[in-house]
PDB file of N, CA and C in Angstrom:
ATOM      1  N   LEU A   1       4.357 -17.258  37.217  1.00  0.00           N
ATOM      2  CA  LEU A   1       5.277 -16.894  37.727  1.00  0.00           C
ATOM      3  C   LEU A   1       6.662 -17.730  37.259  1.00  0.00           C
ATOM      4  N   SER A   2       6.006 -19.104  37.236  1.00  0.00           N
ATOM      5  CA  SER A   2       7.053 -19.798  37.022  1.00  0.00           C
ATOM      6  C   SER A   2       7.693 -19.491  35.304  1.00  0.00           C
ATOM      7  N   GLN A   3       6.527 -19.395  34.423  1.00  0.00           N
ATOM      8  CA  GLN A   3       6.935 -19.149  32.963  1.00  0.00           C
ATOM      9  C   GLN A   3       8.127 -18.095  33.317  1.00  0.00           C
ATOM     10  N   ALA A   4       7.707 -16.913  33.468  1.00  0.00           N
ATOM     11  CA  ALA A   4       8.507 -15.628  34.120  1.00  0.00           C
ATOM     12  C   ALA A   4      10.110 -16.245  34.541  1.00  0.00           C
ATOM     13  N   LEU A   5      10.165 -17.001  35.289  1.00  0.00           N
ATOM     14  CA  LEU A   5      11.342 -17.448  35.674  1.00  0.00           C
ATOM     15  C   LEU A   5      12.280 -18.711  34.437  1.00  0.00           C
ATOM     16  N   GLY A   6      11.324 -18.999  34.220  1.00  0.00           N
ATOM     17  CA  GLY A   6      11.978 -20.092  32.779  1.00  0.00           C
ATOM     18  C   GLY A   6      12.564 -19.314  31.881  1.00  0.00           C
ATOM     19  N   ARG A   7      12.265 -17.967  31.640  1.00  0.00           N
ATOM     20  CA  ARG A   7      12.175 -17.154  30.407  1.00  0.00           C
ATOM     21  C   ARG A   7      13.588 -15.881  31.027  1.00  0.00           C
ATOM     22  N   LEU A   8      13.979 -16.132  32.165  1.00  0.00           N
ATOM     23  CA  LEU A   8      14.932 -15.000  32.537  1.00  0.00           C
ATOM     24  C   LEU A   8      16.264 -15.232  31.513  1.00  0.00           C
ATOM     25  N   SER A   9      16.739 -15.986  31.420  1.00  0.00           N
ATOM     26  CA  SER A   9      17.694 -16.404  30.547  1.00  0.00           C
ATOM     27  C   SER A   9      17.783 -15.759  28.991  1.00  0.00           C
ATOM     28  N   ARG A  10      16.372 -15.619  28.652  1.00  0.00           N
ATOM     29  CA  ARG A  10      16.094 -15.097  27.229  1.00  0.00           C
ATOM     30  C   ARG A  10      15.284 -14.130  27.018  1.00  0.00           C
ATOM     31  N   CYS A  11      15.394 -13.278  28.358  1.00  0.00           N
ATOM     32  CA  CYS A  11      14.634 -12.020  28.250  1.00  0.00           C
ATOM     33  C   CYS A  11      14.869 -11.105  26.913  1.00  0.00           C
ATOM     34  N   ALA A  12      13.564 -10.341  26.219  1.00  0.00           N
ATOM     35  CA  ALA A  12      14.076  -9.680  25.202  1.00  0.00           C
ATOM     36  C   ALA A  12      14.347  -8.300  24.944  1.00  0.00           C
ATOM     37  N   LEU A  13      13.805  -7.939  25.945  1.00  0.00           N
ATOM     38  CA  LEU A  13      13.451  -6.633  26.234  1.00  0.00           C
ATOM     39  C   LEU A  13      13.748  -6.619  27.868  1.00  0.00           C
ATOM     40  N   VAL A  14      14.545  -5.938  28.422  1.00  0.00           N
ATOM     41  CA  VAL A  14      14.873  -5.213  30.070  1.00  0.00           C
ATOM     42  C   VAL A  14      15.577  -3.883  30.169  1.00  0.00           C
ATOM     43  N   HIS A  15      14.829  -3.250  30.548  1.00  0.00           N
ATOM     44  CA  HIS A  15      14.922  -1.848  31.808  1.00  0.00           C
ATOM     45  C   HIS A  15      16.124  -2.070  32.412  1.00  0.00           C
ATOM     46  N   VAL A  16      17.412  -1.064  32.928  1.00  0.00           N
ATOM     47  CA  VAL A  16      18.109  -1.435  34.152  1.00  0.00           C
ATOM     48  C   VAL A  16      18.658   0.170  34.558  1.00  0.00           C
ATOM     49  N   ALA A  17      17.924   0.063  35.883  1.00  0.00           N
ATOM     50  CA  ALA A  17      18.380   1.506  36.648  1.00  0.00           C
ATOM     51  C   ALA A  17      20.192   1.367  37.030  1.00  0.00           C
ATOM     52  N   TYR A  18      20.536   2.977  36.322  1.00  0.00           N
ATOM     53  CA  TYR A  18      22.020   2.741  36.896  1.00  0.00           C
ATOM     54  C   TYR A  18      22.179   3.881  36.867  1.00  0.00           C
ATOM     55  N   PRO A  19      22.403   4.373  38.743  1.00  0.00           N
ATOM     56  CA  PRO A  19      22.046   3.501  39.357  1.00  0.00           C
ATOM     57  C   PRO A  19      20.426   3.849  39.423  1.00  0.00           C
ATOM     58  N   CYS A  20      19.936   3.288  40.581  1.00  0.00           N
ATOM     59  CA  CYS A  20      18.389   3.347  40.709  1.00  0.00           C
ATOM     60  C   CYS A  20      17.755   4.344  40.220  1.00  0.00           C
ATOM     61  N   GLY A  21      17.003   4.483  39.115  1.00  0.00           N
ATOM     62  CA  GLY A  21      16.395   6.185  39.408  1.00  0.00           C
ATOM     63  C   GLY A  21      16.497   6.979  38.123  1.00  0.00           C
ATOM     64  N   LEU A  22      17.587   6.213  37.284  1.00  0.00           N
ATOM     65  CA  LEU A  22      18.321   6.739  35.912  1.00  0.00           C
ATOM     66  C   LEU A  22      18.335   5.606  34.965  1.00  0.00           C
ATOM     67  N   TRP A  23      17.267   5.893  34.239  1.00  0.00           N
ATOM     68  CA  TRP A  23      17.020   4.294  33.034  1.00  0.00           C
ATOM     69  C   TRP A  23      17.583   4.681  32.125  1.00  0.00           C
ATOM     70  N   ARG A  24      18.598   3.726  31.745  1.00  0.00           N
ATOM     71  CA  ARG A  24      19.347   3.102  30.379  1.00  0.00           C
ATOM     72  C   ARG A  24      18.688   1.716  30.241  1.00  0.00           C
ATOM     73  N   ARG A  25      18.901   1.725  28.485  1.00  0.00           N
ATOM     74  CA  ARG A  25      19.291   0.584  28.009  1.00  0.00           C
ATOM     75  C   ARG A  25      20.414  -0.478  27.940  1.00  0.00           C
ATOM     76  N   LEU A  26      20.328  -1.478  28.864  1.00  0.00           N
ATOM     77  CA  LEU A  26      21.512  -2.655  28.179  1.00  0.00           C
ATOM     78  C   LEU A  26      22.178  -2.501  27.140  1.00  0.00           C
ATOM     79  N   ALA A  27      21.618  -2.097  26.201  1.00  0.00           N
ATOM     80  CA  ALA A  27      22.579  -2.091  24.866  1.00  0.00           C
ATOM     81  C   ALA A  27      23.612  -0.723  24.829  1.00  0.00           C
ATOM     82  N   HIS A  28      23.531   0.223  25.462  1.00  0.00           N
ATOM     83  CA  HIS A  28      24.104   1.199  25.952  1.00  0.00           C
ATOM     84  C   HIS A  28      25.773   0.833  26.138  1.00  0.00           C
ATOM     85  N   GLY A  29      26.064  -0.393  26.907  1.00  0.00           N
ATOM     86  CA  GLY A  29      26.874  -0.910  27.238  1.00  0.00           C
ATOM     87  C   GLY A  29      28.042   0.227  28.680  1.00  0.00           C
ATOM     88  N   SER A  30      26.772   0.390  29.139  1.00  0.00           N
ATOM     89  CA  SER A  30      27.568   1.134  30.350  1.00  0.00           C
ATOM     90  C   SER A  30      28.284  -0.001  31.823  1.00  0.00           C
ATOM     91  N   THR A  31      29.487   0.374  31.737  1.00  0.00           N
ATOM     92  CA  THR A  31      29.598  -0.309  33.474  1.00  0.00           C
ATOM     93  C   THR A  31      28.583  -0.698  33.872  1.00  0.00           C
ATOM     94  N   PRO A  32      28.540  -1.595  34.365  1.00  0.00           N
ATOM     95  CA  PRO A  32      27.519  -2.809  35.653  1.00  0.00           C
ATOM     96  C   PRO A  32      27.523  -1.907  36.487  1.00  0.00           C
ATOM     97  N   ALA A  33      26.349  -1.415  37.261  1.00  0.00           N
ATOM     98  CA  ALA A  33      26.198  -1.168  38.974  1.00  0.00           C
ATOM     99  C   ALA A  33      26.267  -2.668  39.720  1.00  0.00           C
ATOM    100  N   GLU A  34      26.747  -2.602  41.141  1.00  0.00           N
ATOM    101  CA  GLU A  34      26.762  -3.835  41.787  1.00  0.00           C
ATOM    102  C   GLU A  34      25.820  -3.842  42.199  1.00  0.00           C
ATOM    103  N   VAL A  35      24.341  -3.403  41.971  1.00  0.00           N
ATOM    104  CA  VAL A  35      22.903  -3.483  42.063  1.00  0.00           C
ATOM    105  C   VAL A  35      22.026  -2.810  41.242  1.00  0.00           C
ATOM    106  N   TYR A  36      21.602  -3.449  40.780  1.00  0.00           N
ATOM    107  CA  TYR A  36      20.644  -2.784  39.909  1.00  0.00           C
ATOM    108  C   TYR A  36      19.029  -3.854  39.566  1.00  0.00           C
ATOM    109  N   VAL A  37      18.341  -2.892  38.620  1.00  0.00           N
ATOM    110  CA  VAL A  37      16.805  -3.239  39.031  1.00  0.00           C
ATOM    111  C   VAL A  37      16.404  -3.540  37.153  1.00  0.00           C
ATOM    112  N   GLU A  38      16.013  -4.817  36.827  1.00  0.00           N
ATOM    113  CA  GLU A  38      15.849  -4.955  35.595  1.00  0.00           C
ATOM    114  C   GLU A  38      14.195  -5.261  35.695  1.00  0.00           C
ATOM    115  N   ARG A  39      13.140  -4.294  34.856  1.00  0.00           N
ATOM    116  CA  ARG A  39      11.927  -4.550  34.662  1.00  0.00           C
ATOM    117  C   ARG A  39      11.582  -5.124  33.299  1.00  0.00           C
ATOM    118  N   LEU A  40      10.809  -6.987  33.728  1.00  0.00           N
ATOM    119  CA  LEU A  40      10.914  -7.028  32.514  1.00  0.00           C
ATOM    120  C   LEU A  40       9.049  -6.785  31.455  1.00  0.00           C
ATOM    121  N   GLU A  41       8.767  -6.842  30.321  1.00  0.00           N
ATOM    122  CA  GLU A  41       8.046  -6.552  29.432  1.00  0.00           C
ATOM    123  C   GLU A  41       7.604  -7.482  29.209  1.00  0.00           C
ATOM    124  N   GLY A  42       5.817  -7.431  28.231  1.00  0.00           N
ATOM    125  CA  GLY A  42       5.616  -8.568  27.380  1.00  0.00           C
ATOM    126  C   GLY A  42       4.386  -9.126  28.171  1.00  0.00           C
ATOM    127  N   GLU A  43       4.473 -10.218  28.207  1.00  0.00           N
ATOM    128  CA  GLU A  43       3.509 -11.293  28.872  1.00  0.00           C
ATOM    129  C   GLU A  43       3.913 -11.354  30.620  1.00  0.00           C
ATOM    130  N   ASP A  44       5.453 -10.564  30.822  1.00  0.00           N
ATOM    131  CA  ASP A  44       6.215 -10.454  32.240  1.00  0.00           C
ATOM    132  C   ASP A  44       5.837  -9.473  32.568  1.00  0.00           C
ATOM    133  N   THR A  45       5.113  -8.283  32.215  1.00  0.00           N
ATOM    134  CA  THR A  45       5.405  -6.929  33.147  1.00  0.00           C
ATOM    135  C   THR A  45       5.066  -7.558  34.329  1.00  0.00           C
ATOM    136  N   GLY A  46       5.125  -6.170  35.183  1.00  0.00           N
ATOM    137  CA  GLY A  46       4.897  -6.478  36.799  1.00  0.00           C
ATOM    138  C   GLY A  46       5.918  -7.409  37.234  1.00  0.00           C
ATOM    139  N   VAL A  47       6.971  -7.929  36.645  1.00  0.00           N
ATOM    140  CA  VAL A  47       8.087  -8.736  37.213  1.00  0.00           C
ATOM    141  C   VAL A  47       9.244  -7.845  37.447  1.00  0.00           C
ATOM    142  N   SER A  48       9.861  -7.838  38.565  1.00  0.00           N
ATOM    143  CA  SER A  48      11.185  -6.931  38.478  1.00  0.00           C
ATOM    144  C   SER A  48      12.592  -7.819  39.319  1.00  0.00           C
ATOM    145  N   LEU A  49      13.417  -7.858  38.393  1.00  0.00           N
ATOM    146  CA  LEU A  49      14.695  -8.124  39.334  1.00  0.00           C
ATOM    147  C   LEU A  49      15.311  -7.342  39.363  1.00  0.00           C
ATOM    148  N   LEU A  50      15.625  -7.806  40.663  1.00  0.00           N
ATOM    149  CA  LEU A  50      16.952  -7.118  41.621  1.00  0.00           C
ATOM    150  C   LEU A  50      17.931  -7.977  41.954  1.00  0.00           C
ATOM    151  N   THR A  51      19.064  -7.291  41.183  1.00  0.00           N
ATOM    152  CA  THR A  51      20.390  -8.323  40.987  1.00  0.00           C
ATOM    153  C   THR A  51      21.529  -7.363  41.366  1.00  0.00           C
ATOM    154  N   MET A  52      22.218  -8.635  42.118  1.00  0.00           N
ATOM    155  CA  MET A  52      23.338  -8.305  43.053  1.00  0.00           C
ATOM    156  C   MET A  52      24.447  -8.654  42.644  1.00  0.00           C
ATOM    157  N   ASP A  53      25.277  -7.596  41.996  1.00  0.00           N
ATOM    158  CA  ASP A  53      26.816  -8.022  40.881  1.00  0.00           C
ATOM    159  C   ASP A  53      28.009  -7.647  41.439  1.00  0.00           C
ATOM    160  N   ARG A  54      28.295  -7.797  42.539  1.00  0.00           N
ATOM    161  CA  ARG A  54      29.936  -7.573  43.291  1.00  0.00           C
ATOM    162  C   ARG A  54      30.815  -9.043  43.203  1.00  0.00           C
ATOM    163  N   PRO A  55      31.533  -9.147  42.319  1.00  0.00           N
ATOM    164  CA  PRO A  55      32.140 -10.312  42.197  1.00  0.00           C
ATOM    165  C   PRO A  55      33.159 -10.394  42.943  1.00  0.00           C
ATOM    166  N   THR A  56      33.830  -9.091  42.931  1.00  0.00           N
ATOM    167  CA  THR A  56      35.336  -9.207  43.530  1.00  0.00           C
ATOM    168  C   THR A  56      35.107  -9.850  45.178  1.00  0.00           C
ATOM    169  N   ARG A  57      33.841  -9.349  45.591  1.00  0.00           N
ATOM    170  CA  ARG A  57      33.390  -9.681  47.124  1.00  0.00           C
ATOM    171  C   ARG A  57      32.751 -10.543  47.218  1.00  0.00           C
ATOM    172  N   LYS A  58      32.145 -11.366  46.662  1.00  0.00           N
ATOM    173  CA  LYS A  58      31.186 -12.175  46.426  1.00  0.00           C
ATOM    174  C   LYS A  58      29.558 -11.792  47.143  1.00  0.00           C
ATOM    175  N   ASN A  59      29.486 -10.471  46.688  1.00  0.00           N
ATOM    176  CA  ASN A  59      28.112  -9.791  46.929  1.00  0.00           C
ATOM    177  C   ASN A  59      28.328  -9.681  48.766  1.00  0.00           C
ATOM    178  N   ALA A  60      29.523  -9.198  49.197  1.00  0.00           N
ATOM    179  CA  ALA A  60      29.232  -9.018  50.373  1.00  0.00           C
ATOM    180  C   ALA A  60      28.638  -7.598  50.907  1.00  0.00           C
ATOM    181  N   ILE A  61      28.371  -7.284  51.426  1.00  0.00           N
ATOM    182  CA  ILE A  61      27.625  -5.756  51.487  1.00  0.00           C
ATOM    183  C   ILE A  61      28.285  -4.780  53.030  1.00  0.00           C
ATOM    184  N   GLY A  62      28.737  -4.151  51.817  1.00  0.00           N
ATOM    185  CA  GLY A  62      29.445  -2.960  52.931  1.00  0.00           C
ATOM    186  C   GLY A  62      28.423  -1.725  52.219  1.00  0.00           C
ATOM    187  N   ARG A  63      29.193  -0.452  52.865  1.00  0.00           N
ATOM    188  CA  ARG A  63      28.128   0.933  53.011  1.00  0.00           C
ATOM    189  C   ARG A  63      27.669   1.247  51.457  1.00  0.00           C
ATOM    190  N   ALA A  64      28.621   1.100  50.484  1.00  0.00           N
ATOM    191  CA  ALA A  64      28.771   1.404  49.348  1.00  0.00           C
ATOM    192  C   ALA A  64      27.067   0.618  48.821  1.00  0.00           C
ATOM    193  N   PHE A  65      27.467  -0.728  48.625  1.00  0.00           N
ATOM    194  CA  PHE A  65      26.611  -1.804  48.286  1.00  0.00           C
ATOM    195  C   PHE A  65      25.044  -1.420  49.006  1.00  0.00           C
ATOM    196  N   LEU A  66      25.040  -1.349  50.211  1.00  0.00           N
ATOM    197  CA  LEU A  66      23.652  -1.293  51.202  1.00  0.00           C
ATOM    198  C   LEU A  66      23.165  -0.217  50.572  1.00  0.00           C
ATOM    199  N   ASP A  67      23.611   1.239  50.271  1.00  0.00           N
ATOM    200  CA  ASP A  67      23.443   2.438  49.958  1.00  0.00           C
ATOM    201  C   ASP A  67      22.595   1.933  48.398  1.00  0.00           C
ATOM    202  N   ALA A  68      23.272   0.968  47.393  1.00  0.00           N
ATOM    203  CA  ALA A  68      22.717   0.857  46.383  1.00  0.00           C
ATOM    204  C   ALA A  68      21.308   0.208  46.454  1.00  0.00           C
ATOM    205  N   LEU A  69      21.518  -1.009  47.291  1.00  0.00           N
ATOM    206  CA  LEU A  69      20.817  -1.766  47.272  1.00  0.00           C
ATOM    207  C   LEU A  69      19.539  -0.764  47.990  1.00  0.00           C
ATOM    208  N   ALA A  70      19.455  -0.578  49.475  1.00  0.00           N
ATOM    209  CA  ALA A  70      18.653   0.761  49.795  1.00  0.00           C
ATOM    210  C   ALA A  70      17.498   1.357  48.643  1.00  0.00           C
ATOM    211  N   SER A  71      18.420   2.138  47.954  1.00  0.00           N
ATOM    212  CA  SER A  71      17.896   2.840  46.937  1.00  0.00           C
ATOM    213  C   SER A  71      16.842   1.865  45.676  1.00  0.00           C
ATOM    214  N   CYS A  72      17.491   0.651  45.202  1.00  0.00           N
ATOM    215  CA  CYS A  72      16.792  -0.063  44.609  1.00  0.00           C
ATOM    216  C   CYS A  72      15.523  -0.626  45.425  1.00  0.00           C
ATOM    217  N   VAL A  73      15.697  -1.210  46.784  1.00  0.00           N
ATOM    218  CA  VAL A  73      14.270  -1.685  47.167  1.00  0.00           C
ATOM    219  C   VAL A  73      13.482  -0.453  47.292  1.00  0.00           C
ATOM    220  N   ASP A  74      13.911   1.046  47.502  1.00  0.00           N
ATOM    221  CA  ASP A  74      12.962   2.203  47.796  1.00  0.00           C
ATOM    222  C   ASP A  74      12.097   1.854  46.487  1.00  0.00           C
ATOM    223  N   GLU A  75      13.147   2.232  45.636  1.00  0.00           N
ATOM    224  CA  GLU A  75      12.484   2.773  44.177  1.00  0.00           C
ATOM    225  C   GLU A  75      11.396   1.520  43.749  1.00  0.00           C
ATOM    226  N   LEU A  76      11.532   0.409  43.912  1.00  0.00           N
ATOM    227  CA  LEU A  76      10.591  -0.603  43.568  1.00  0.00           C
ATOM    228  C   LEU A  76       9.514  -0.753  44.629  1.00  0.00           C
ATOM    229  N   ARG A  77       9.778  -0.372  45.595  1.00  0.00           N
ATOM    230  CA  ARG A  77       8.540  -0.532  46.653  1.00  0.00           C
ATOM    231  C   ARG A  77       7.678   0.873  46.489  1.00  0.00           C
ATOM    232  N   ASN A  78       8.141   1.858  45.763  1.00  0.00           N
ATOM    233  CA  ASN A  78       6.818   3.259  45.339  1.00  0.00           C
ATOM    234  C   ASN A  78       6.736   2.775  43.728  1.00  0.00           C
ATOM    235  N   ASP A  79       7.048   2.047  43.033  1.00  0.00           N
ATOM    236  CA  ASP A  79       6.945   1.998  41.613  1.00  0.00           C
ATOM    237  C   ASP A  79       5.324   0.494  41.724  1.00  0.00           C
ATOM    238  N   ARG A  80       4.157   1.275  41.578  1.00  0.00           N
ATOM    239  CA  ARG A  80       3.103   0.781  41.498  1.00  0.00           C
ATOM    240  C   ARG A  80       3.008   0.057  40.183  1.00  0.00           C
ATOM    241  N   SER A  81       3.746  -0.507  39.277  1.00  0.00           N
ATOM    242  CA  SER A  81       3.753  -1.080  38.363  1.00  0.00           C
ATOM    243  C   SER A  81       4.327  -2.777  38.264  1.00  0.00           C
ATOM    244  N   THR A  82       5.430  -2.682  39.572  1.00  0.00           N
ATOM    245  CA  THR A  82       6.036  -3.707  39.959  1.00  0.00           C
ATOM    246  C   THR A  82       5.212  -4.503  40.927  1.00  0.00           C
ATOM    247  N   ARG A  83       4.746  -5.962  40.707  1.00  0.00           N
ATOM    248  CA  ARG A  83       4.198  -6.811  41.576  1.00  0.00           C
ATOM    249  C   ARG A  83       4.617  -7.904  42.200  1.00  0.00           C
ATOM    250  N   VAL A  84       5.990  -8.332  41.342  1.00  0.00           N
ATOM    251  CA  VAL A  84       6.607  -9.418  41.698  1.00  0.00           C
ATOM    252  C   VAL A  84       8.140  -8.603  41.748  1.00  0.00           C
ATOM    253  N   VAL A  85       8.741  -8.997  43.039  1.00  0.00           N
ATOM    254  CA  VAL A  85      10.527  -8.793  42.998  1.00  0.00           C
ATOM    255  C   VAL A  85      11.226  -9.855  43.465  1.00  0.00           C
ATOM    256  N   ILE A  86      11.875 -10.394  42.162  1.00  0.00           N
ATOM    257  CA  ILE A  86      12.846 -11.384  42.300  1.00  0.00           C
ATOM    258  C   ILE A  86      14.271 -10.826  43.015  1.00  0.00           C
ATOM    259  N   LEU A  87      14.628 -11.423  43.878  1.00  0.00           N
ATOM    260  CA  LEU A  87      16.329 -10.913  44.202  1.00  0.00           C
ATOM    261  C   LEU A  87      17.113 -12.293  44.135  1.00  0.00           C
ATOM    262  N   ARG A  88      18.291 -11.549  42.980  1.00  0.00           N
ATOM    263  CA  ARG A  88      18.795 -12.849  42.556  1.00  0.00           C
ATOM    264  C   ARG A  88      20.784 -11.986  42.621  1.00  0.00           C
ATOM    265  N   SER A  89      21.283 -13.404  42.260  1.00  0.00           N
ATOM    266  CA  SER A  89      22.526 -12.485  42.380  1.00  0.00           C
ATOM    267  C   SER A  89      23.489 -12.702  40.918  1.00  0.00           C
ATOM    268  N   ALA A  90      24.210 -11.906  40.441  1.00  0.00           N
ATOM    269  CA  ALA A  90      24.805 -12.419  39.043  1.00  0.00           C
ATOM    270  C   ALA A  90      25.991 -12.479  39.262  1.00  0.00           C
ATOM    271  N   VAL A  91      26.557 -13.065  40.750  1.00  0.00           N
ATOM    272  CA  VAL A  91      27.866 -13.535  40.794  1.00  0.00           C
ATOM    273  C   VAL A  91      27.968 -15.519  40.726  1.00  0.00           C
ATOM    274  N   GLY A  92      28.877 -16.287  39.687  1.00  0.00           N
ATOM    275  CA  GLY A  92      28.567 -17.588  39.534  1.00  0.00           C
ATOM    276  C   GLY A  92      29.357 -17.648  41.190  1.00  0.00           C
ATOM    277  N   GLY A  93      28.535 -19.244  41.637  1.00  0.00           N
ATOM    278  CA  GLY A  93      28.459 -19.834  43.119  1.00  0.00           C
ATOM    279  C   GLY A  93      28.369 -19.460  44.087  1.00  0.00           C
ATOM    280  N   ALA A  94      27.835 -17.829  44.750  1.00  0.00           N
ATOM    281  CA  ALA A  94      27.427 -17.236  45.427  1.00  0.00           C
ATOM    282  C   ALA A  94      26.565 -16.368  45.564  1.00  0.00           C
ATOM    283  N   PHE A  95      25.662 -16.377  46.116  1.00  0.00           N
ATOM    284  CA  PHE A  95      24.291 -15.609  46.301  1.00  0.00           C
ATOM    285  C   PHE A  95      24.664 -14.263  47.119  1.00  0.00           C
ATOM    286  N   CYS A  96      25.257 -13.849  48.261  1.00  0.00           N
ATOM    287  CA  CYS A  96      25.611 -13.079  48.903  1.00  0.00           C
ATOM    288  C   CYS A  96      26.480 -13.607  50.205  1.00  0.00           C
ATOM    289  N   SER A  97      27.344 -13.182  50.271  1.00  0.00           N
ATOM    290  CA  SER A  97      28.681 -14.057  51.325  1.00  0.00           C
ATOM    291  C   SER A  97      28.305 -12.949  52.655  1.00  0.00           C
ATOM    292  N   GLY A  98      27.283 -12.096  52.898  1.00  0.00           N
ATOM    293  CA  GLY A  98      27.201 -11.575  54.579  1.00  0.00           C
ATOM    294  C   GLY A  98      27.653 -10.499  54.271  1.00  0.00           C
ATOM    295  N   ALA A  99      27.725  -9.599  55.548  1.00  0.00           N
ATOM    296  CA  ALA A  99      28.559  -8.468  55.949  1.00  0.00           C
ATOM    297  C   ALA A  99      30.061  -8.175  55.044  1.00  0.00           C
ATOM    298  N   ASP A 100      30.377  -6.922  54.497  1.00  0.00           N
ATOM    299  CA  ASP A 100      31.806  -7.178  54.045  1.00  0.00           C
ATOM    300  C   ASP A 100      32.949  -6.743  55.264  1.00  0.00           C
ATOM    301  N   LEU A 101      33.201  -7.916  55.599  1.00  0.00           N
ATOM    302  CA  LEU A 101      34.024  -7.858  57.092  1.00  0.00           C
ATOM    303  C   LEU A 101      35.602  -7.450  56.838  1.00  0.00           C
ATOM    304  N   LYS A 102      35.881  -6.848  55.923  1.00  0.00           N
ATOM    305  CA  LYS A 102      36.966  -5.862  55.723  1.00  0.00           C
ATOM    306  C   LYS A 102      36.536  -4.845  55.628  1.00  0.00           C
ATOM    307  N   GLU A 103      35.404  -4.023  55.302  1.00  0.00           N
ATOM    308  CA  GLU A 103      35.439  -2.764  55.580  1.00  0.00           C
ATOM    309  C   GLU A 103      34.443  -2.493  57.149  1.00  0.00           C
ATOM    310  N   ARG A 104      34.165  -3.649  57.654  1.00  0.00           N
ATOM    311  CA  ARG A 104      33.308  -3.777  59.003  1.00  0.00           C
ATOM    312  C   ARG A 104      34.582  -3.103  59.899  1.00  0.00           C
ATOM    313  N   THR A 105      35.939  -4.174  59.688  1.00  0.00           N
ATOM    314  CA  THR A 105      36.531  -3.620  60.676  1.00  0.00           C
ATOM    315  C   THR A 105      37.136  -2.166  60.814  1.00  0.00           C
ATOM    316  N   GLU A 106      36.765  -1.474  60.167  1.00  0.00           N
ATOM    317  CA  GLU A 106      37.003   0.193  60.120  1.00  0.00           C
ATOM    318  C   GLU A 106      36.003   0.820  61.018  1.00  0.00           C
ATOM    319  N   MET A 107      34.995   0.219  60.959  1.00  0.00           N
ATOM    320  CA  MET A 107      33.953   1.015  61.646  1.00  0.00           C
ATOM    321  C   MET A 107      33.480   0.881  63.120  1.00  0.00           C
ATOM    322  N   SER A 108      33.172   1.962  63.676  1.00  0.00           N
ATOM    323  CA  SER A 108      33.350   1.734  65.200  1.00  0.00           C
ATOM    324  C   SER A 108      32.084   1.001  65.724  1.00  0.00           C
ATOM    325  N   GLN A 109      32.158   0.658  67.003  1.00  0.00           N
ATOM    326  CA  GLN A 109      30.498  -0.050  67.594  1.00  0.00           C
ATOM    327  C   GLN A 109      29.846   0.891  66.789  1.00  0.00           C
ATOM    328  N   PRO A 110      29.333   2.118  67.354  1.00  0.00           N
ATOM    329  CA  PRO A 110      27.977   2.853  66.738  1.00  0.00           C
ATOM    330  C   PRO A 110      27.763   2.651  65.215  1.00  0.00           C
ATOM    331  N   GLU A 111      28.775   3.014  64.610  1.00  0.00           N
ATOM    332  CA  GLU A 111      28.658   2.974  63.066  1.00  0.00           C
ATOM    333  C   GLU A 111      28.212   1.140  62.659  1.00  0.00           C
ATOM    334  N   VAL A 112      29.011   0.302  63.373  1.00  0.00           N
ATOM    335  CA  VAL A 112      28.242  -1.091  62.942  1.00  0.00           C
ATOM    336  C   VAL A 112      26.716  -0.961  63.387  1.00  0.00           C
ATOM    337  N   ALA A 113      26.104  -0.598  64.289  1.00  0.00           N
ATOM    338  CA  ALA A 113      25.100  -0.364  64.885  1.00  0.00           C
ATOM    339  C   ALA A 113      24.307   0.157  63.797  1.00  0.00           C
ATOM    340  N   SER A 114      24.772   0.976  63.236  1.00  0.00           N
ATOM    341  CA  SER A 114      23.663   1.526  62.609  1.00  0.00           C
ATOM    342  C   SER A 114      23.788   1.017  61.055  1.00  0.00           C
ATOM    343  N   PHE A 115      24.928   0.796  60.861  1.00  0.00           N
ATOM    344  CA  PHE A 115      25.237  -0.404  59.384  1.00  0.00           C
ATOM    345  C   PHE A 115      24.031  -1.199  59.861  1.00  0.00           C
ATOM    346  N   VAL A 116      24.136  -2.085  60.330  1.00  0.00           N
ATOM    347  CA  VAL A 116      23.284  -3.387  60.994  1.00  0.00           C
ATOM    348  C   VAL A 116      21.286  -2.614  61.410  1.00  0.00           C
ATOM    349  N   ARG A 117      21.200  -2.141  60.948  1.00  0.00           N
ATOM    350  CA  ARG A 117      19.680  -1.524  61.367  1.00  0.00           C
ATOM    351  C   ARG A 117      19.633  -0.856  59.996  1.00  0.00           C
ATOM    352  N   ARG A 118      20.418  -0.422  59.556  1.00  0.00           N
ATOM    353  CA  ARG A 118      19.850  -0.068  58.243  1.00  0.00           C
ATOM    354  C   ARG A 118      19.567  -1.306  57.169  1.00  0.00           C
ATOM    355  N   LEU A 119      20.443  -2.555  57.303  1.00  0.00           N
ATOM    356  CA  LEU A 119      20.675  -3.606  56.366  1.00  0.00           C
ATOM    357  C   LEU A 119      18.942  -3.695  56.932  1.00  0.00           C
ATOM    358  N   ARG A 120      19.047  -3.919  58.621  1.00  0.00           N
ATOM    359  CA  ARG A 120      17.262  -4.658  58.854  1.00  0.00           C
ATOM    360  C   ARG A 120      16.339  -4.044  57.913  1.00  0.00           C
ATOM    361  N   THR A 121      15.695  -2.744  58.366  1.00  0.00           N
ATOM    362  CA  THR A 121      14.825  -1.952  57.840  1.00  0.00           C
ATOM    363  C   THR A 121      15.135  -1.885  56.127  1.00  0.00           C
ATOM    364  N   THR A 122      16.071  -2.104  55.486  1.00  0.00           N
ATOM    365  CA  THR A 122      16.151  -1.958  54.049  1.00  0.00           C
ATOM    366  C   THR A 122      15.346  -3.392  53.632  1.00  0.00           C
ATOM    367  N   PHE A 123      14.675  -4.052  54.747  1.00  0.00           N
ATOM    368  CA  PHE A 123      14.022  -5.162  53.912  1.00  0.00           C
ATOM    369  C   PHE A 123      12.671  -5.567  54.890  1.00  0.00           C
ATOM    370  N   THR A 124      12.755  -4.947  56.145  1.00  0.00           N
ATOM    371  CA  THR A 124      11.496  -4.800  57.145  1.00  0.00           C
ATOM    372  C   THR A 124      10.388  -3.794  56.688  1.00  0.00           C
ATOM    373  N   ASP A 125      11.175  -2.766  56.456  1.00  0.00           N
ATOM    374  CA  ASP A 125      10.185  -1.247  56.202  1.00  0.00           C
ATOM    375  C   ASP A 125       9.255  -1.579  55.314  1.00  0.00           C
TER     376      ASP A 125
END
């Protein structure tokens, strides 16, 4: 694993789920998703990178972001070839700033409770 981490910046072949479930190669130049999966190949087969990339909000988690994150986590959970998942940020200087508070102010109390519950279960189920 430490060797795989050392090579992350120079991976030769990467597949991207855009959004999760629809495969494309990075070389196609598609607009990047806010959350995506990269599956490493070669001697790093079995390692999947789950990348958060929402620079305008420093990866703040809102509804759409959580939908994408949950979709990727579900995909990885059901992928028998993935043995290791590395959660990372593509946003310089930030991993995740937490909940998107601007979006949260527009939610009712029941919506907030549902959102928080879904966020927790994304990682614990």
